[in-house]
Amino acid sequence: MLDPQFVADCPYGPEALLIDEILEVDVAASRLVARLPAHAELPLTRDQRVHPTRHPRHVSGGLIVHATGMLGFAHGYYVLGLRHAAGWIAYGTNIHSARFRKMGRMGVAIRAEVVATSIRRIRGAIVGRYRFRLEQGDDCIYEGDQSALWSQVDDERAA
């Protein structure tokens, strides 16, 4: 079960968070591992027009890219200590590489790892570069190298 404070702090609702459990947090290694469900009622997945041989039901690649953003948010929350409620928000800036190794299968939870390979503070903002690896059982289904920019918004100044 996820920490209710983490869920409440997320800029997306629980269904779009896509993470159902935080498995490991290693602040020293700047690493977080989470579990993602893989079922037919996931956003995008539930709307697939399935054909048994040409287009089987699967975890959508677009959903996997969104999941990397949610993993980045979880990394910011648990590893960097950034809180959306305190004005911190991140936006993806670059997908340096994205490799879909295998199709994500239904019914097998995904083990998702994010490691910050670089964290730089620049004029009050944080630029992170992240390595992602998503696995189902022994199979790697996605590997990515992506960047995001974290900034802190002062709601009173922005109004």
N, C-alpha and C. Protein backbone atom coordinates (compact mmCIF):
# COMPACT_ATOMS: atom_id res chain seq x y z
N MET A 1 0.85 -1.19 0.00
CA MET A 1 0.00 0.00 0.00
C MET A 1 0.89 1.25 0.00
N LEU A 2 0.46 2.24 -0.75
CA LEU A 2 1.21 3.48 -0.83
C LEU A 2 0.92 4.39 0.36
N ASP A 3 1.91 5.18 0.72
CA ASP A 3 1.76 6.19 1.76
C ASP A 3 0.70 7.20 1.31
N PRO A 4 -0.36 7.38 2.09
CA PRO A 4 -1.42 8.32 1.69
C PRO A 4 -0.91 9.75 1.49
N GLN A 5 0.13 10.15 2.20
CA GLN A 5 0.68 11.49 2.02
C GLN A 5 1.34 11.62 0.64
N PHE A 6 1.99 10.57 0.20
CA PHE A 6 2.59 10.57 -1.13
C PHE A 6 1.50 10.68 -2.19
N VAL A 7 0.45 9.89 -2.06
CA VAL A 7 -0.66 9.90 -3.02
C VAL A 7 -1.32 11.29 -3.04
N ALA A 8 -1.53 11.88 -1.87
CA ALA A 8 -2.16 13.19 -1.79
C ALA A 8 -1.28 14.28 -2.40
N ASP A 9 0.03 14.12 -2.36
CA ASP A 9 0.95 15.13 -2.88
C ASP A 9 1.11 15.06 -4.39
N CYS A 10 0.73 13.95 -4.99
CA CYS A 10 0.94 13.74 -6.42
C CYS A 10 0.10 14.71 -7.26
N PRO A 11 0.68 15.27 -8.33
CA PRO A 11 -0.10 16.18 -9.18
C PRO A 11 -1.11 15.46 -10.08
N TYR A 12 -1.16 14.15 -10.04
CA TYR A 12 -2.16 13.35 -10.76
C TYR A 12 -3.00 12.57 -9.76
N GLY A 13 -4.21 12.23 -10.15
CA GLY A 13 -5.06 11.41 -9.30
C GLY A 13 -4.53 9.99 -9.19
N PRO A 14 -5.01 9.22 -8.22
CA PRO A 14 -4.48 7.88 -7.95
C PRO A 14 -4.48 6.94 -9.15
N GLU A 15 -5.49 7.01 -10.02
CA GLU A 15 -5.54 6.10 -11.17
C GLU A 15 -4.40 6.39 -12.15
N ALA A 16 -4.03 7.66 -12.29
CA ALA A 16 -2.96 8.04 -13.21
C ALA A 16 -1.58 7.95 -12.59
N LEU A 17 -1.50 7.73 -11.29
CA LEU A 17 -0.20 7.58 -10.62
C LEU A 17 0.50 6.32 -11.11
N LEU A 18 -0.26 5.25 -11.33
CA LEU A 18 0.22 3.99 -11.91
C LEU A 18 1.12 3.17 -10.99
N ILE A 19 1.58 3.71 -9.91
CA ILE A 19 2.43 2.98 -8.96
C ILE A 19 1.52 2.41 -7.88
N ASP A 20 1.68 1.11 -7.57
CA ASP A 20 0.87 0.57 -6.48
C ASP A 20 1.70 0.19 -5.25
N GLU A 21 3.02 0.25 -5.37
CA GLU A 21 3.86 -0.03 -4.20
C GLU A 21 5.27 0.51 -4.44
N ILE A 22 5.84 1.11 -3.41
CA ILE A 22 7.25 1.50 -3.43
C ILE A 22 8.01 0.32 -2.82
N LEU A 23 8.92 -0.26 -3.58
CA LEU A 23 9.64 -1.46 -3.13
C LEU A 23 10.97 -1.14 -2.45
N GLU A 24 11.70 -0.16 -2.96
CA GLU A 24 13.01 0.20 -2.41
C GLU A 24 13.25 1.68 -2.59
N VAL A 25 13.90 2.29 -1.61
CA VAL A 25 14.39 3.66 -1.72
C VAL A 25 15.83 3.64 -1.21
N ASP A 26 16.76 4.08 -2.05
CA ASP A 26 18.17 4.16 -1.68
C ASP A 26 18.63 5.58 -1.97
N VAL A 27 18.58 6.43 -0.95
CA VAL A 27 18.92 7.84 -1.12
C VAL A 27 20.38 7.98 -1.54
N ALA A 28 21.28 7.23 -0.93
CA ALA A 28 22.71 7.33 -1.24
C ALA A 28 22.99 7.01 -2.71
N ALA A 29 22.26 6.04 -3.28
CA ALA A 29 22.46 5.66 -4.68
C ALA A 29 21.53 6.44 -5.61
N SER A 30 20.70 7.34 -5.06
CA SER A 30 19.73 8.12 -5.81
C SER A 30 18.84 7.21 -6.66
N ARG A 31 18.29 6.18 -6.00
CA ARG A 31 17.57 5.10 -6.68
C ARG A 31 16.25 4.80 -5.99
N LEU A 32 15.24 4.51 -6.80
CA LEU A 32 13.93 4.11 -6.28
C LEU A 32 13.42 2.97 -7.15
N VAL A 33 12.80 1.99 -6.51
CA VAL A 33 12.19 0.87 -7.23
C VAL A 33 10.72 0.81 -6.79
N ALA A 34 9.84 0.70 -7.77
CA ALA A 34 8.42 0.64 -7.50
C ALA A 34 7.78 -0.49 -8.29
N ARG A 35 6.57 -0.82 -7.91
CA ARG A 35 5.79 -1.82 -8.63
C ARG A 35 4.65 -1.12 -9.35
N LEU A 36 4.46 -1.49 -10.61
CA LEU A 36 3.36 -0.98 -11.42
C LEU A 36 2.44 -2.13 -11.76
N PRO A 37 1.15 -1.96 -11.66
CA PRO A 37 0.24 -3.03 -12.05
C PRO A 37 0.17 -3.17 -13.57
N ALA A 38 -0.25 -4.31 -14.03
CA ALA A 38 -0.44 -4.55 -15.47
C ALA A 38 -1.77 -5.30 -15.62
N HIS A 39 -2.86 -4.54 -15.74
CA HIS A 39 -4.17 -5.15 -15.87
C HIS A 39 -4.97 -4.43 -16.95
N ALA A 40 -6.05 -5.04 -17.35
CA ALA A 40 -6.82 -4.57 -18.50
C ALA A 40 -7.56 -3.26 -18.25
N GLU A 41 -7.66 -2.81 -17.01
CA GLU A 41 -8.39 -1.58 -16.72
C GLU A 41 -7.48 -0.36 -16.58
N LEU A 42 -6.20 -0.49 -16.94
CA LEU A 42 -5.31 0.67 -16.92
C LEU A 42 -5.77 1.70 -17.96
N PRO A 43 -5.53 3.00 -17.71
CA PRO A 43 -5.83 3.98 -18.74
C PRO A 43 -5.14 3.59 -20.05
N LEU A 44 -5.73 3.90 -21.16
CA LEU A 44 -5.29 3.54 -22.51
C LEU A 44 -5.42 2.04 -22.77
N THR A 45 -4.99 1.22 -21.85
CA THR A 45 -5.07 -0.23 -22.03
C THR A 45 -6.53 -0.67 -22.15
N ARG A 46 -7.39 -0.10 -21.32
CA ARG A 46 -8.80 -0.50 -21.35
C ARG A 46 -9.49 -0.10 -22.65
N ASP A 47 -8.92 0.86 -23.37
CA ASP A 47 -9.52 1.32 -24.61
C ASP A 47 -8.92 0.69 -25.87
N GLN A 48 -8.03 -0.26 -25.69
CA GLN A 48 -7.42 -0.93 -26.85
C GLN A 48 -8.47 -1.76 -27.58
N ARG A 49 -8.39 -1.75 -28.88
CA ARG A 49 -9.22 -2.62 -29.72
C ARG A 49 -8.38 -3.86 -29.98
N VAL A 50 -8.71 -4.88 -29.25
CA VAL A 50 -7.87 -6.08 -29.17
C VAL A 50 -8.18 -7.04 -30.30
N HIS A 51 -7.11 -7.59 -30.85
CA HIS A 51 -7.20 -8.69 -31.81
C HIS A 51 -6.22 -9.74 -31.30
N PRO A 52 -6.59 -11.01 -31.24
CA PRO A 52 -5.74 -12.03 -30.60
C PRO A 52 -4.35 -12.21 -31.23
N THR A 53 -4.20 -11.93 -32.51
CA THR A 53 -2.87 -12.12 -33.12
C THR A 53 -2.24 -10.81 -33.59
N ARG A 54 -3.04 -9.87 -34.06
CA ARG A 54 -2.47 -8.63 -34.59
C ARG A 54 -2.29 -7.55 -33.54
N HIS A 55 -3.13 -7.51 -32.52
CA HIS A 55 -3.05 -6.45 -31.50
C HIS A 55 -3.56 -6.98 -30.16
N PRO A 56 -2.75 -7.79 -29.49
CA PRO A 56 -3.19 -8.32 -28.19
C PRO A 56 -3.23 -7.20 -27.14
N ARG A 57 -4.04 -7.39 -26.13
CA ARG A 57 -4.06 -6.42 -25.03
C ARG A 57 -2.67 -6.41 -24.40
N HIS A 58 -2.15 -5.20 -24.12
CA HIS A 58 -0.80 -5.04 -23.60
C HIS A 58 -0.70 -3.71 -22.84
N VAL A 59 0.39 -3.53 -22.12
CA VAL A 59 0.65 -2.27 -21.45
C VAL A 59 1.12 -1.29 -22.53
N SER A 60 0.37 -0.24 -22.73
CA SER A 60 0.62 0.72 -23.79
C SER A 60 1.99 1.40 -23.61
N GLY A 61 2.69 1.59 -24.72
CA GLY A 61 3.96 2.31 -24.68
C GLY A 61 3.79 3.74 -24.18
N GLY A 62 2.70 4.39 -24.58
CA GLY A 62 2.43 5.74 -24.09
C GLY A 62 2.23 5.76 -22.58
N LEU A 63 1.60 4.73 -22.06
CA LEU A 63 1.41 4.62 -20.62
C LEU A 63 2.75 4.40 -19.91
N ILE A 64 3.64 3.65 -20.54
CA ILE A 64 4.97 3.43 -19.96
C ILE A 64 5.73 4.76 -19.88
N VAL A 65 5.64 5.57 -20.93
CA VAL A 65 6.31 6.87 -20.89
C VAL A 65 5.72 7.72 -19.77
N HIS A 66 4.39 7.72 -19.62
CA HIS A 66 3.77 8.44 -18.50
C HIS A 66 4.24 7.88 -17.16
N ALA A 67 4.36 6.57 -17.08
CA ALA A 67 4.83 5.94 -15.84
C ALA A 67 6.23 6.42 -15.47
N THR A 68 7.09 6.69 -16.46
CA THR A 68 8.42 7.21 -16.13
C THR A 68 8.31 8.57 -15.46
N GLY A 69 7.35 9.37 -15.87
CA GLY A 69 7.13 10.65 -15.20
C GLY A 69 6.69 10.45 -13.76
N MET A 70 5.82 9.48 -13.53
CA MET A 70 5.36 9.21 -12.16
C MET A 70 6.50 8.64 -11.31
N LEU A 71 7.37 7.84 -11.94
CA LEU A 71 8.53 7.34 -11.22
C LEU A 71 9.47 8.48 -10.87
N GLY A 72 9.63 9.43 -11.80
CA GLY A 72 10.44 10.61 -11.52
C GLY A 72 9.86 11.42 -10.37
N PHE A 73 8.53 11.54 -10.33
CA PHE A 73 7.87 12.23 -9.23
C PHE A 73 8.15 11.50 -7.91
N ALA A 74 8.03 10.17 -7.92
CA ALA A 74 8.29 9.39 -6.71
C ALA A 74 9.75 9.55 -6.26
N HIS A 75 10.67 9.58 -7.23
CA HIS A 75 12.08 9.80 -6.91
C HIS A 75 12.26 11.17 -6.24
N GLY A 76 11.62 12.18 -6.80
CA GLY A 76 11.71 13.51 -6.20
C GLY A 76 11.16 13.53 -4.78
N TYR A 77 10.07 12.84 -4.57
CA TYR A 77 9.42 12.82 -3.25
C TYR A 77 10.26 12.07 -2.23
N TYR A 78 10.63 10.84 -2.56
CA TYR A 78 11.30 9.97 -1.59
C TYR A 78 12.82 10.16 -1.52
N VAL A 79 13.47 10.45 -2.64
CA VAL A 79 14.93 10.54 -2.65
C VAL A 79 15.39 11.99 -2.46
N LEU A 80 14.76 12.92 -3.16
CA LEU A 80 15.20 14.32 -3.09
C LEU A 80 14.45 15.13 -2.04
N GLY A 81 13.34 14.60 -1.53
CA GLY A 81 12.57 15.31 -0.50
C GLY A 81 11.76 16.48 -1.03
N LEU A 82 11.43 16.48 -2.32
CA LEU A 82 10.66 17.57 -2.92
C LEU A 82 9.17 17.29 -2.78
N ARG A 83 8.43 18.32 -2.45
CA ARG A 83 6.99 18.16 -2.25
C ARG A 83 6.21 19.08 -3.18
N HIS A 84 5.26 18.49 -3.88
CA HIS A 84 4.37 19.26 -4.74
C HIS A 84 3.62 20.29 -3.92
N ALA A 85 3.21 19.91 -2.71
CA ALA A 85 2.49 20.83 -1.83
C ALA A 85 3.33 22.05 -1.45
N ALA A 86 4.65 21.94 -1.53
CA ALA A 86 5.56 23.06 -1.23
C ALA A 86 5.92 23.82 -2.51
N GLY A 87 5.23 23.51 -3.62
CA GLY A 87 5.43 24.25 -4.85
C GLY A 87 6.34 23.58 -5.86
N TRP A 88 6.92 22.43 -5.53
CA TRP A 88 7.83 21.75 -6.47
C TRP A 88 7.04 20.99 -7.53
N ILE A 89 7.46 21.16 -8.76
CA ILE A 89 6.87 20.41 -9.86
C ILE A 89 7.97 20.13 -10.89
N ALA A 90 7.86 19.02 -11.55
CA ALA A 90 8.85 18.66 -12.58
C ALA A 90 8.13 18.41 -13.90
N TYR A 91 8.83 18.74 -14.96
CA TYR A 91 8.35 18.46 -16.31
C TYR A 91 9.47 17.78 -17.08
N GLY A 92 9.13 16.75 -17.80
CA GLY A 92 10.12 16.10 -18.64
C GLY A 92 10.60 17.06 -19.71
N THR A 93 11.90 17.05 -19.97
CA THR A 93 12.45 17.95 -20.97
C THR A 93 13.01 17.20 -22.16
N ASN A 94 13.59 16.03 -21.94
CA ASN A 94 14.20 15.27 -23.03
C ASN A 94 14.03 13.78 -22.78
N ILE A 95 13.72 13.07 -23.84
CA ILE A 95 13.85 11.62 -23.84
C ILE A 95 15.06 11.35 -24.72
N HIS A 96 16.18 11.10 -24.07
CA HIS A 96 17.43 10.89 -24.80
C HIS A 96 17.42 9.54 -25.51
N SER A 97 16.84 8.54 -24.85
CA SER A 97 16.65 7.24 -25.49
C SER A 97 15.46 6.55 -24.83
N ALA A 98 14.76 5.79 -25.63
CA ALA A 98 13.61 5.00 -25.17
C ALA A 98 13.62 3.71 -25.96
N ARG A 99 13.79 2.62 -25.24
CA ARG A 99 13.83 1.31 -25.92
C ARG A 99 12.76 0.40 -25.33
N PHE A 100 11.80 0.07 -26.17
CA PHE A 100 10.76 -0.87 -25.78
C PHE A 100 11.26 -2.25 -26.18
N ARG A 101 11.72 -3.01 -25.19
CA ARG A 101 12.38 -4.30 -25.46
C ARG A 101 11.39 -5.42 -25.74
N LYS A 102 10.28 -5.42 -25.01
CA LYS A 102 9.24 -6.44 -25.17
C LYS A 102 7.90 -5.80 -24.84
N MET A 103 6.86 -6.41 -25.35
CA MET A 103 5.53 -5.92 -25.05
C MET A 103 5.17 -6.24 -23.59
N GLY A 104 4.63 -5.26 -22.88
CA GLY A 104 4.18 -5.47 -21.51
C GLY A 104 2.94 -6.35 -21.48
N ARG A 105 3.01 -7.45 -20.73
CA ARG A 105 1.93 -8.43 -20.67
C ARG A 105 0.93 -8.09 -19.56
N MET A 106 -0.27 -8.55 -19.74
CA MET A 106 -1.31 -8.39 -18.72
C MET A 106 -1.08 -9.39 -17.58
N GLY A 107 -1.39 -8.96 -16.38
CA GLY A 107 -1.40 -9.85 -15.23
C GLY A 107 -0.06 -10.05 -14.54
N VAL A 108 1.02 -9.50 -15.07
CA VAL A 108 2.34 -9.64 -14.45
C VAL A 108 2.79 -8.25 -14.04
N ALA A 109 2.90 -8.01 -12.72
CA ALA A 109 3.31 -6.69 -12.24
C ALA A 109 4.67 -6.31 -12.81
N ILE A 110 4.87 -5.02 -12.97
CA ILE A 110 6.12 -4.49 -13.52
C ILE A 110 6.98 -3.97 -12.37
N ARG A 111 8.23 -4.39 -12.38
CA ARG A 111 9.23 -3.86 -11.44
C ARG A 111 9.90 -2.70 -12.17
N ALA A 112 9.81 -1.51 -11.61
CA ALA A 112 10.29 -0.30 -12.29
C ALA A 112 11.35 0.38 -11.43
N GLU A 113 12.52 0.56 -12.03
CA GLU A 113 13.63 1.19 -11.32
C GLU A 113 13.97 2.53 -11.98
N VAL A 114 14.19 3.55 -11.17
CA VAL A 114 14.67 4.84 -11.64
C VAL A 114 15.91 5.19 -10.82
N VAL A 115 16.95 5.61 -11.53
CA VAL A 115 18.19 6.04 -10.89
C VAL A 115 18.53 7.41 -11.47
N ALA A 116 18.78 8.38 -10.60
CA ALA A 116 19.24 9.68 -11.08
C ALA A 116 20.73 9.55 -11.38
N THR A 117 21.08 9.76 -12.62
CA THR A 117 22.49 9.68 -13.02
C THR A 117 23.17 11.04 -12.89
N SER A 118 22.36 12.09 -12.76
CA SER A 118 22.89 13.44 -12.57
C SER A 118 21.80 14.30 -11.95
N ILE A 119 22.15 15.03 -10.90
CA ILE A 119 21.26 16.02 -10.30
C ILE A 119 22.06 17.31 -10.19
N ARG A 120 21.59 18.35 -10.86
CA ARG A 120 22.28 19.64 -10.80
C ARG A 120 21.31 20.72 -10.35
N ARG A 121 21.78 21.56 -9.45
CA ARG A 121 20.98 22.71 -9.01
C ARG A 121 21.45 23.93 -9.79
N ILE A 122 20.50 24.57 -10.46
CA ILE A 122 20.81 25.73 -11.28
C ILE A 122 19.81 26.84 -10.96
N ARG A 123 20.27 27.92 -10.34
CA ARG A 123 19.43 29.08 -10.00
C ARG A 123 18.10 28.68 -9.36
N GLY A 124 18.12 27.85 -8.36
CA GLY A 124 16.92 27.47 -7.64
C GLY A 124 16.13 26.33 -8.27
N ALA A 125 16.49 25.94 -9.48
CA ALA A 125 15.84 24.81 -10.13
C ALA A 125 16.74 23.58 -10.00
N ILE A 126 16.19 22.45 -10.30
CA ILE A 126 16.95 21.19 -10.27
C ILE A 126 16.77 20.52 -11.62
N VAL A 127 17.88 20.17 -12.24
CA VAL A 127 17.86 19.43 -13.49
C VAL A 127 18.32 18.01 -13.19
N GLY A 128 17.47 17.06 -13.48
CA GLY A 128 17.79 15.65 -13.23
C GLY A 128 17.86 14.87 -14.52
N ARG A 129 18.79 13.96 -14.56
CA ARG A 129 18.84 13.00 -15.66
C ARG A 129 18.64 11.63 -15.04
N TYR A 130 17.79 10.83 -15.65
CA TYR A 130 17.33 9.58 -15.05
C TYR A 130 17.48 8.40 -15.99
N ARG A 131 17.85 7.29 -15.41
CA ARG A 131 17.87 6.02 -16.14
C ARG A 131 16.70 5.18 -15.63
N PHE A 132 15.93 4.64 -16.54
CA PHE A 132 14.77 3.82 -16.19
C PHE A 132 14.96 2.41 -16.72
N ARG A 133 14.48 1.45 -15.95
CA ARG A 133 14.43 0.05 -16.40
C ARG A 133 13.16 -0.56 -15.83
N LEU A 134 12.30 -1.06 -16.73
CA LEU A 134 11.06 -1.70 -16.33
C LEU A 134 11.12 -3.16 -16.75
N GLU A 135 10.79 -4.04 -15.81
CA GLU A 135 10.89 -5.48 -16.04
C GLU A 135 9.61 -6.17 -15.64
N GLN A 136 9.30 -7.24 -16.36
CA GLN A 136 8.24 -8.18 -15.99
C GLN A 136 8.90 -9.53 -15.89
N GLY A 137 8.98 -10.06 -14.69
CA GLY A 137 9.70 -11.32 -14.49
C GLY A 137 11.14 -11.15 -14.90
N ASP A 138 11.63 -12.03 -15.77
CA ASP A 138 13.02 -11.96 -16.25
C ASP A 138 13.18 -11.08 -17.49
N ASP A 139 12.08 -10.53 -17.98
CA ASP A 139 12.12 -9.76 -19.23
C ASP A 139 12.19 -8.26 -18.97
N CYS A 140 13.12 -7.59 -19.63
CA CYS A 140 13.14 -6.13 -19.65
C CYS A 140 12.15 -5.68 -20.72
N ILE A 141 11.19 -4.84 -20.34
CA ILE A 141 10.23 -4.35 -21.33
C ILE A 141 10.54 -2.93 -21.77
N TYR A 142 11.28 -2.16 -20.96
CA TYR A 142 11.59 -0.78 -21.33
C TYR A 142 12.88 -0.33 -20.66
N GLU A 143 13.69 0.39 -21.41
CA GLU A 143 14.86 1.08 -20.86
C GLU A 143 14.84 2.50 -21.41
N GLY A 144 15.08 3.46 -20.54
CA GLY A 144 15.06 4.84 -20.99
C GLY A 144 16.11 5.68 -20.29
N ASP A 145 16.45 6.77 -20.94
CA ASP A 145 17.36 7.78 -20.43
C ASP A 145 16.66 9.11 -20.69
N GLN A 146 16.25 9.79 -19.61
CA GLN A 146 15.40 10.96 -19.75
C GLN A 146 15.84 12.06 -18.79
N SER A 147 15.49 13.29 -19.12
CA SER A 147 15.79 14.44 -18.27
C SER A 147 14.51 15.15 -17.88
N ALA A 148 14.56 15.82 -16.73
CA ALA A 148 13.43 16.62 -16.26
C ALA A 148 13.95 17.85 -15.54
N LEU A 149 13.13 18.88 -15.53
CA LEU A 149 13.44 20.11 -14.81
C LEU A 149 12.46 20.27 -13.68
N TRP A 150 12.99 20.35 -12.46
CA TRP A 150 12.20 20.63 -11.27
C TRP A 150 12.29 22.12 -10.98
N SER A 151 11.16 22.74 -10.71
CA SER A 151 11.17 24.14 -10.28
C SER A 151 10.17 24.29 -9.15
N GLN A 152 10.40 25.34 -8.36
CA GLN A 152 9.51 25.61 -7.24
C GLN A 152 8.73 26.88 -7.53
N VAL A 153 7.43 26.75 -7.53
CA VAL A 153 6.54 27.87 -7.82
C VAL A 153 6.04 28.46 -6.51
N ASP A 154 6.16 29.75 -6.39
CA ASP A 154 5.62 30.47 -5.24
C ASP A 154 4.22 30.90 -5.63
N ASP A 155 3.20 30.23 -5.08
CA ASP A 155 1.81 30.50 -5.47
C ASP A 155 1.42 31.97 -5.27
N GLU A 156 1.93 32.62 -4.21
CA GLU A 156 1.58 34.02 -3.97
C GLU A 156 2.19 34.93 -5.04
N ARG A 157 3.41 34.64 -5.45
CA ARG A 157 4.07 35.43 -6.50
C ARG A 157 3.42 35.18 -7.85
N ALA A 158 3.00 33.94 -8.09
CA ALA A 158 2.44 33.57 -9.39
C ALA A 158 1.03 34.14 -9.58
N ALA A 159 0.34 34.46 -8.51
CA ALA A 159 -1.06 34.94 -8.61
C ALA A 159 -1.16 36.35 -9.14
